Amino acid sequence: MLDLITEDEVSKRLNVSVASLRRWRLLGRGPLFIKVGSLVRYRPEDLESWLGALPTGGSASRCRIATQTVSAAN
């Protein structure tokens, strides 16, 4: 049997509201989900894949580019 996660559990893990998850589904954003009848469920591996694909910030190269741009403007 698959280990499926409810939208309440996902919202707690991501620290977002259930309403946000529902909005993301309507907009085609957020983690993949499956429907079991009228119920929405998430596979743990789909949640992990989605999190891993999110953009991250604070890279050193971005900081260098920003610094170079500011220096060139002065």
PDB file of N, CA and C in Angstrom:
ATOM      1  N   MET A   1       0.847  -1.188   0.000  1.00  0.00           N
ATOM      2  CA  MET A   1       0.000   0.000   0.000  1.00  0.00           C
ATOM      3  C   MET A   1       0.887   1.245   0.000  1.00  0.00           C
ATOM      4  N   LEU A   2       0.471   2.245  -0.721  1.00  0.00           N
ATOM      5  CA  LEU A   2       1.219   3.499  -0.778  1.00  0.00           C
ATOM      6  C   LEU A   2       1.047   4.278   0.524  1.00  0.00           C
ATOM      7  N   ASP A   3       2.111   4.954   0.927  1.00  0.00           N
ATOM      8  CA  ASP A   3       2.013   5.885   2.048  1.00  0.00           C
ATOM      9  C   ASP A   3       1.597   7.223   1.468  1.00  0.00           C
ATOM     10  N   LEU A   4       0.360   7.607   1.678  1.00  0.00           N
ATOM     11  CA  LEU A   4      -0.143   8.860   1.153  1.00  0.00           C
ATOM     12  C   LEU A   4      -0.300   9.875   2.268  1.00  0.00           C
ATOM     13  N   ILE A   5      -0.118  11.137   1.944  1.00  0.00           N
ATOM     14  CA  ILE A   5      -0.169  12.219   2.925  1.00  0.00           C
ATOM     15  C   ILE A   5      -1.399  13.074   2.640  1.00  0.00           C
ATOM     16  N   THR A   6      -2.116  13.438   3.673  1.00  0.00           N
ATOM     17  CA  THR A   6      -3.287  14.294   3.511  1.00  0.00           C
ATOM     18  C   THR A   6      -2.858  15.738   3.284  1.00  0.00           C
ATOM     19  N   GLU A   7      -3.789  16.552   2.803  1.00  0.00           N
ATOM     20  CA  GLU A   7      -3.448  17.954   2.600  1.00  0.00           C
ATOM     21  C   GLU A   7      -3.208  18.668   3.931  1.00  0.00           C
ATOM     22  N   ASP A   8      -3.848  18.221   5.009  1.00  0.00           N
ATOM     23  CA  ASP A   8      -3.561  18.797   6.337  1.00  0.00           C
ATOM     24  C   ASP A   8      -2.116  18.524   6.738  1.00  0.00           C
ATOM     25  N   GLU A   9      -1.659  17.300   6.495  1.00  0.00           N
ATOM     26  CA  GLU A   9      -0.280  16.950   6.841  1.00  0.00           C
ATOM     27  C   GLU A   9       0.724  17.732   5.993  1.00  0.00           C
ATOM     28  N   VAL A  10       0.428  17.878   4.704  1.00  0.00           N
ATOM     29  CA  VAL A  10       1.328  18.634   3.822  1.00  0.00           C
ATOM     30  C   VAL A  10       1.372  20.095   4.242  1.00  0.00           C
ATOM     31  N   SER A  11       0.211  20.660   4.568  1.00  0.00           N
ATOM     32  CA  SER A  11       0.196  22.069   4.974  1.00  0.00           C
ATOM     33  C   SER A  11       1.024  22.283   6.233  1.00  0.00           C
ATOM     34  N   LYS A  12       0.988  21.349   7.153  1.00  0.00           N
ATOM     35  CA  LYS A  12       1.798  21.456   8.373  1.00  0.00           C
ATOM     36  C   LYS A  12       3.284  21.316   8.062  1.00  0.00           C
ATOM     37  N   ARG A  13       3.626  20.377   7.191  1.00  0.00           N
ATOM     38  CA  ARG A  13       5.041  20.172   6.825  1.00  0.00           C
ATOM     39  C   ARG A  13       5.626  21.392   6.135  1.00  0.00           C
ATOM     40  N   LEU A  14       4.812  22.033   5.270  1.00  0.00           N
ATOM     41  CA  LEU A  14       5.292  23.188   4.516  1.00  0.00           C
ATOM     42  C   LEU A  14       5.049  24.506   5.230  1.00  0.00           C
ATOM     43  N   ASN A  15       4.294  24.448   6.325  1.00  0.00           N
ATOM     44  CA  ASN A  15       3.945  25.644   7.089  1.00  0.00           C
ATOM     45  C   ASN A  15       3.176  26.642   6.215  1.00  0.00           C
ATOM     46  N   VAL A  16       2.218  26.108   5.453  1.00  0.00           N
ATOM     47  CA  VAL A  16       1.310  26.928   4.652  1.00  0.00           C
ATOM     48  C   VAL A  16      -0.115  26.472   4.956  1.00  0.00           C
ATOM     49  N   SER A  17      -1.068  27.302   4.621  1.00  0.00           N
ATOM     50  CA  SER A  17      -2.464  26.941   4.874  1.00  0.00           C
ATOM     51  C   SER A  17      -2.949  25.914   3.848  1.00  0.00           C
ATOM     52  N   VAL A  18      -4.000  25.193   4.236  1.00  0.00           N
ATOM     53  CA  VAL A  18      -4.637  24.266   3.307  1.00  0.00           C
ATOM     54  C   VAL A  18      -5.191  25.052   2.120  1.00  0.00           C
ATOM     55  N   ALA A  19      -5.670  26.264   2.373  1.00  0.00           N
ATOM     56  CA  ALA A  19      -6.184  27.114   1.288  1.00  0.00           C
ATOM     57  C   ALA A  19      -5.084  27.403   0.268  1.00  0.00           C
ATOM     58  N   SER A  20      -3.859  27.601   0.711  1.00  0.00           N
ATOM     59  CA  SER A  20      -2.742  27.828  -0.211  1.00  0.00           C
ATOM     60  C   SER A  20      -2.509  26.595  -1.084  1.00  0.00           C
ATOM     61  N   LEU A  21      -2.523  25.423  -0.472  1.00  0.00           N
ATOM     62  CA  LEU A  21      -2.360  24.195  -1.248  1.00  0.00           C
ATOM     63  C   LEU A  21      -3.449  24.070  -2.298  1.00  0.00           C
ATOM     64  N   ARG A  22      -4.678  24.375  -1.929  1.00  0.00           N
ATOM     65  CA  ARG A  22      -5.799  24.282  -2.863  1.00  0.00           C
ATOM     66  C   ARG A  22      -5.655  25.282  -4.001  1.00  0.00           C
ATOM     67  N   ARG A  23      -5.213  26.484  -3.670  1.00  0.00           N
ATOM     68  CA  ARG A  23      -4.998  27.510  -4.695  1.00  0.00           C
ATOM     69  C   ARG A  23      -3.887  27.070  -5.652  1.00  0.00           C
ATOM     70  N   TRP A  24      -2.800  26.522  -5.097  1.00  0.00           N
ATOM     71  CA  TRP A  24      -1.705  26.040  -5.928  1.00  0.00           C
ATOM     72  C   TRP A  24      -2.194  24.960  -6.889  1.00  0.00           C
ATOM     73  N   ARG A  25      -3.054  24.063  -6.404  1.00  0.00           N
ATOM     74  CA  ARG A  25      -3.582  23.006  -7.272  1.00  0.00           C
ATOM     75  C   ARG A  25      -4.377  23.607  -8.417  1.00  0.00           C
ATOM     76  N   LEU A  26      -5.211  24.586  -8.117  1.00  0.00           N
ATOM     77  CA  LEU A  26      -6.021  25.228  -9.156  1.00  0.00           C
ATOM     78  C   LEU A  26      -5.161  25.936 -10.196  1.00  0.00           C
ATOM     79  N   LEU A  27      -4.028  26.489  -9.750  1.00  0.00           N
ATOM     80  CA  LEU A  27      -3.130  27.225 -10.636  1.00  0.00           C
ATOM     81  C   LEU A  27      -2.086  26.333 -11.311  1.00  0.00           C
ATOM     82  N   GLY A  28      -2.092  25.036 -10.982  1.00  0.00           N
ATOM     83  CA  GLY A  28      -1.104  24.124 -11.560  1.00  0.00           C
ATOM     84  C   GLY A  28       0.269  24.254 -10.948  1.00  0.00           C
ATOM     85  N   ARG A  29       0.338  24.818  -9.756  1.00  0.00           N
ATOM     86  CA  ARG A  29       1.605  24.953  -9.026  1.00  0.00           C
ATOM     87  C   ARG A  29       1.616  23.920  -7.908  1.00  0.00           C
ATOM     88  N   GLY A  30       2.651  23.914  -7.119  1.00  0.00           N
ATOM     89  CA  GLY A  30       2.693  23.030  -5.966  1.00  0.00           C
ATOM     90  C   GLY A  30       3.038  21.604  -6.334  1.00  0.00           C
ATOM     91  N   PRO A  31       3.105  20.754  -5.324  1.00  0.00           N
ATOM     92  CA  PRO A  31       3.491  19.358  -5.548  1.00  0.00           C
ATOM     93  C   PRO A  31       2.403  18.587  -6.289  1.00  0.00           C
ATOM     94  N   LEU A  32       2.831  17.530  -6.977  1.00  0.00           N
ATOM     95  CA  LEU A  32       1.874  16.639  -7.619  1.00  0.00           C
ATOM     96  C   LEU A  32       0.956  16.036  -6.559  1.00  0.00           C
ATOM     97  N   PHE A  33      -0.260  15.765  -6.948  1.00  0.00           N
ATOM     98  CA  PHE A  33      -1.220  15.170  -6.025  1.00  0.00           C
ATOM     99  C   PHE A  33      -2.018  14.115  -6.771  1.00  0.00           C
ATOM    100  N   ILE A  34      -2.705  13.284  -6.018  1.00  0.00           N
ATOM    101  CA  ILE A  34      -3.606  12.310  -6.614  1.00  0.00           C
ATOM    102  C   ILE A  34      -4.966  12.464  -5.957  1.00  0.00           C
ATOM    103  N   LYS A  35      -5.975  12.073  -6.698  1.00  0.00           N
ATOM    104  CA  LYS A  35      -7.336  12.104  -6.172  1.00  0.00           C
ATOM    105  C   LYS A  35      -7.755  10.666  -5.883  1.00  0.00           C
ATOM    106  N   VAL A  36      -8.275  10.447  -4.692  1.00  0.00           N
ATOM    107  CA  VAL A  36      -8.845   9.166  -4.308  1.00  0.00           C
ATOM    108  C   VAL A  36     -10.320   9.457  -4.057  1.00  0.00           C
ATOM    109  N   GLY A  37     -11.123   9.258  -5.081  1.00  0.00           N
ATOM    110  CA  GLY A  37     -12.508   9.713  -5.009  1.00  0.00           C
ATOM    111  C   GLY A  37     -12.505  11.230  -4.958  1.00  0.00           C
ATOM    112  N   SER A  38     -13.084  11.781  -3.907  1.00  0.00           N
ATOM    113  CA  SER A  38     -13.081  13.239  -3.736  1.00  0.00           C
ATOM    114  C   SER A  38     -11.929  13.721  -2.858  1.00  0.00           C
ATOM    115  N   LEU A  39     -11.122  12.786  -2.366  1.00  0.00           N
ATOM    116  CA  LEU A  39     -10.026  13.129  -1.460  1.00  0.00           C
ATOM    117  C   LEU A  39      -8.755  13.459  -2.229  1.00  0.00           C
ATOM    118  N   VAL A  40      -8.014  14.421  -1.732  1.00  0.00           N
ATOM    119  CA  VAL A  40      -6.722  14.787  -2.310  1.00  0.00           C
ATOM    120  C   VAL A  40      -5.636  14.190  -1.430  1.00  0.00           C
ATOM    121  N   ARG A  41      -4.705  13.508  -2.057  1.00  0.00           N
ATOM    122  CA  ARG A  41      -3.594  12.912  -1.326  1.00  0.00           C
ATOM    123  C   ARG A  41      -2.295  13.209  -2.061  1.00  0.00           C
ATOM    124  N   TYR A  42      -1.197  13.180  -1.320  1.00  0.00           N
ATOM    125  CA  TYR A  42       0.136  13.442  -1.861  1.00  0.00           C
ATOM    126  C   TYR A  42       1.031  12.248  -1.580  1.00  0.00           C
ATOM    127  N   ARG A  43       1.879  11.923  -2.549  1.00  0.00           N
ATOM    128  CA  ARG A  43       2.898  10.900  -2.334  1.00  0.00           C
ATOM    129  C   ARG A  43       4.116  11.583  -1.723  1.00  0.00           C
ATOM    130  N   PRO A  44       4.712  10.990  -0.700  1.00  0.00           N
ATOM    131  CA  PRO A  44       5.904  11.614  -0.082  1.00  0.00           C
ATOM    132  C   PRO A  44       7.008  11.908  -1.087  1.00  0.00           C
ATOM    133  N   GLU A  45       7.237  11.020  -2.046  1.00  0.00           N
ATOM    134  CA  GLU A  45       8.312  11.237  -3.020  1.00  0.00           C
ATOM    135  C   GLU A  45       7.991  12.402  -3.955  1.00  0.00           C
ATOM    136  N   ASP A  46       6.710  12.620  -4.256  1.00  0.00           N
ATOM    137  CA  ASP A  46       6.337  13.771  -5.090  1.00  0.00           C
ATOM    138  C   ASP A  46       6.561  15.079  -4.340  1.00  0.00           C
ATOM    139  N   LEU A  47       6.255  15.076  -3.053  1.00  0.00           N
ATOM    140  CA  LEU A  47       6.481  16.261  -2.229  1.00  0.00           C
ATOM    141  C   LEU A  47       7.975  16.580  -2.155  1.00  0.00           C
ATOM    142  N   GLU A  48       8.799  15.551  -1.941  1.00  0.00           N
ATOM    143  CA  GLU A  48      10.248  15.751  -1.868  1.00  0.00           C
ATOM    144  C   GLU A  48      10.810  16.237  -3.205  1.00  0.00           C
ATOM    145  N   SER A  49      10.336  15.675  -4.304  1.00  0.00           N
ATOM    146  CA  SER A  49      10.797  16.105  -5.627  1.00  0.00           C
ATOM    147  C   SER A  49      10.446  17.564  -5.886  1.00  0.00           C
ATOM    148  N   TRP A  50       9.229  17.943  -5.531  1.00  0.00           N
ATOM    149  CA  TRP A  50       8.789  19.324  -5.732  1.00  0.00           C
ATOM    150  C   TRP A  50       9.639  20.286  -4.900  1.00  0.00           C
ATOM    151  N   LEU A  51       9.875  19.929  -3.640  1.00  0.00           N
ATOM    152  CA  LEU A  51      10.707  20.778  -2.781  1.00  0.00           C
ATOM    153  C   LEU A  51      12.124  20.903  -3.340  1.00  0.00           C
ATOM    154  N   GLY A  52      12.673  19.799  -3.834  1.00  0.00           N
ATOM    155  CA  GLY A  52      14.021  19.822  -4.382  1.00  0.00           C
ATOM    156  C   GLY A  52      14.147  20.655  -5.645  1.00  0.00           C
ATOM    157  N   ALA A  53      13.051  20.819  -6.368  1.00  0.00           N
ATOM    158  CA  ALA A  53      13.079  21.577  -7.624  1.00  0.00           C
ATOM    159  C   ALA A  53      12.828  23.064  -7.430  1.00  0.00           C
ATOM    160  N   LEU A  54      12.471  23.480  -6.214  1.00  0.00           N
ATOM    161  CA  LEU A  54      12.210  24.894  -5.973  1.00  0.00           C
ATOM    162  C   LEU A  54      13.500  25.699  -6.079  1.00  0.00           C
ATOM    163  N   PRO A  55      13.405  26.916  -6.580  1.00  0.00           N
ATOM    164  CA  PRO A  55      14.608  27.751  -6.654  1.00  0.00           C
ATOM    165  C   PRO A  55      15.105  28.096  -5.250  1.00  0.00           C
ATOM    166  N   THR A  56      16.399  28.233  -5.151  1.00  0.00           N
ATOM    167  CA  THR A  56      16.993  28.615  -3.876  1.00  0.00           C
ATOM    168  C   THR A  56      17.677  29.961  -4.049  1.00  0.00           C
ATOM    169  N   GLY A  57      17.929  30.635  -2.967  1.00  0.00           N
ATOM    170  CA  GLY A  57      18.558  31.951  -3.046  1.00  0.00           C
ATOM    171  C   GLY A  57      19.870  31.971  -2.307  1.00  0.00           C
ATOM    172  N   GLY A  58      20.518  33.109  -2.409  1.00  0.00           N
ATOM    173  CA  GLY A  58      21.734  33.336  -1.635  1.00  0.00           C
ATOM    174  C   GLY A  58      22.991  32.735  -2.225  1.00  0.00           C
ATOM    175  N   SER A  59      22.993  32.445  -3.518  1.00  0.00           N
ATOM    176  CA  SER A  59      24.201  31.854  -4.086  1.00  0.00           C
ATOM    177  C   SER A  59      25.296  32.915  -4.190  1.00  0.00           C
ATOM    178  N   ALA A  60      26.513  32.482  -4.091  1.00  0.00           N
ATOM    179  CA  ALA A  60      27.654  33.396  -4.128  1.00  0.00           C
ATOM    180  C   ALA A  60      27.748  34.104  -5.483  1.00  0.00           C
ATOM    181  N   SER A  61      27.434  33.409  -6.561  1.00  0.00           N
ATOM    182  CA  SER A  61      27.554  34.033  -7.879  1.00  0.00           C
ATOM    183  C   SER A  61      26.557  35.167  -8.036  1.00  0.00           C
ATOM    184  N   ARG A  62      25.362  35.024  -7.490  1.00  0.00           N
ATOM    185  CA  ARG A  62      24.385  36.097  -7.568  1.00  0.00           C
ATOM    186  C   ARG A  62      24.861  37.307  -6.769  1.00  0.00           C
ATOM    187  N   CYS A  63      25.493  37.064  -5.650  1.00  0.00           N
ATOM    188  CA  CYS A  63      26.000  38.171  -4.833  1.00  0.00           C
ATOM    189  C   CYS A  63      27.093  38.921  -5.581  1.00  0.00           C
ATOM    190  N   ARG A  64      27.973  38.184  -6.274  1.00  0.00           N
ATOM    191  CA  ARG A  64      29.044  38.821  -7.038  1.00  0.00           C
ATOM    192  C   ARG A  64      28.472  39.676  -8.159  1.00  0.00           C
ATOM    193  N   ILE A  65      27.479  39.150  -8.841  1.00  0.00           N
ATOM    194  CA  ILE A  65      26.876  39.900  -9.942  1.00  0.00           C
ATOM    195  C   ILE A  65      26.234  41.178  -9.400  1.00  0.00           C
ATOM    196  N   ALA A  66      25.515  41.077  -8.280  1.00  0.00           N
ATOM    197  CA  ALA A  66      24.864  42.247  -7.693  1.00  0.00           C
ATOM    198  C   ALA A  66      25.916  43.275  -7.266  1.00  0.00           C
ATOM    199  N   THR A  67      27.017  42.808  -6.676  1.00  0.00           N
ATOM    200  CA  THR A  67      28.071  43.708  -6.238  1.00  0.00           C
ATOM    201  C   THR A  67      28.729  44.398  -7.426  1.00  0.00           C
ATOM    202  N   GLN A  68      28.990  43.626  -8.506  1.00  0.00           N
ATOM    203  CA  GLN A  68      29.595  44.194  -9.701  1.00  0.00           C
ATOM    204  C   GLN A  68      28.682  45.247 -10.323  1.00  0.00           C
ATOM    205  N   THR A  69      27.387  44.993 -10.332  1.00  0.00           N
ATOM    206  CA  THR A  69      26.429  45.936 -10.900  1.00  0.00           C
ATOM    207  C   THR A  69      26.407  47.230 -10.101  1.00  0.00           C
ATOM    208  N   VAL A  70      26.408  47.120  -8.775  1.00  0.00           N
ATOM    209  CA  VAL A  70      26.412  48.295  -7.912  1.00  0.00           C
ATOM    210  C   VAL A  70      27.714  49.062  -8.079  1.00  0.00           C
ATOM    211  N   SER A  71      28.840  48.348  -8.150  1.00  0.00           N
ATOM    212  CA  SER A  71      30.138  49.015  -8.324  1.00  0.00           C
ATOM    213  C   SER A  71      30.217  49.737  -9.661  1.00  0.00           C
ATOM    214  N   ALA A  72      29.704  49.131 -10.700  1.00  0.00           N
ATOM    215  CA  ALA A  72      29.747  49.742 -12.033  1.00  0.00           C
ATOM    216  C   ALA A  72      28.879  50.986 -12.095  1.00  0.00           C
ATOM    217  N   ALA A  73      27.800  51.012 -11.327  1.00  0.00           N
ATOM    218  CA  ALA A  73      26.900  52.155 -11.329  1.00  0.00           C
ATOM    219  C   ALA A  73      27.511  53.343 -10.597  1.00  0.00           C
ATOM    220  N   ASN A  74      28.427  53.101  -9.672  1.00  0.00           N
ATOM    221  CA  ASN A  74      29.043  54.184  -8.896  1.00  0.00           C
ATOM    222  C   ASN A  74      30.177  54.720  -9.628  1.00  0.00           C
TER     223      ASN A  74
END
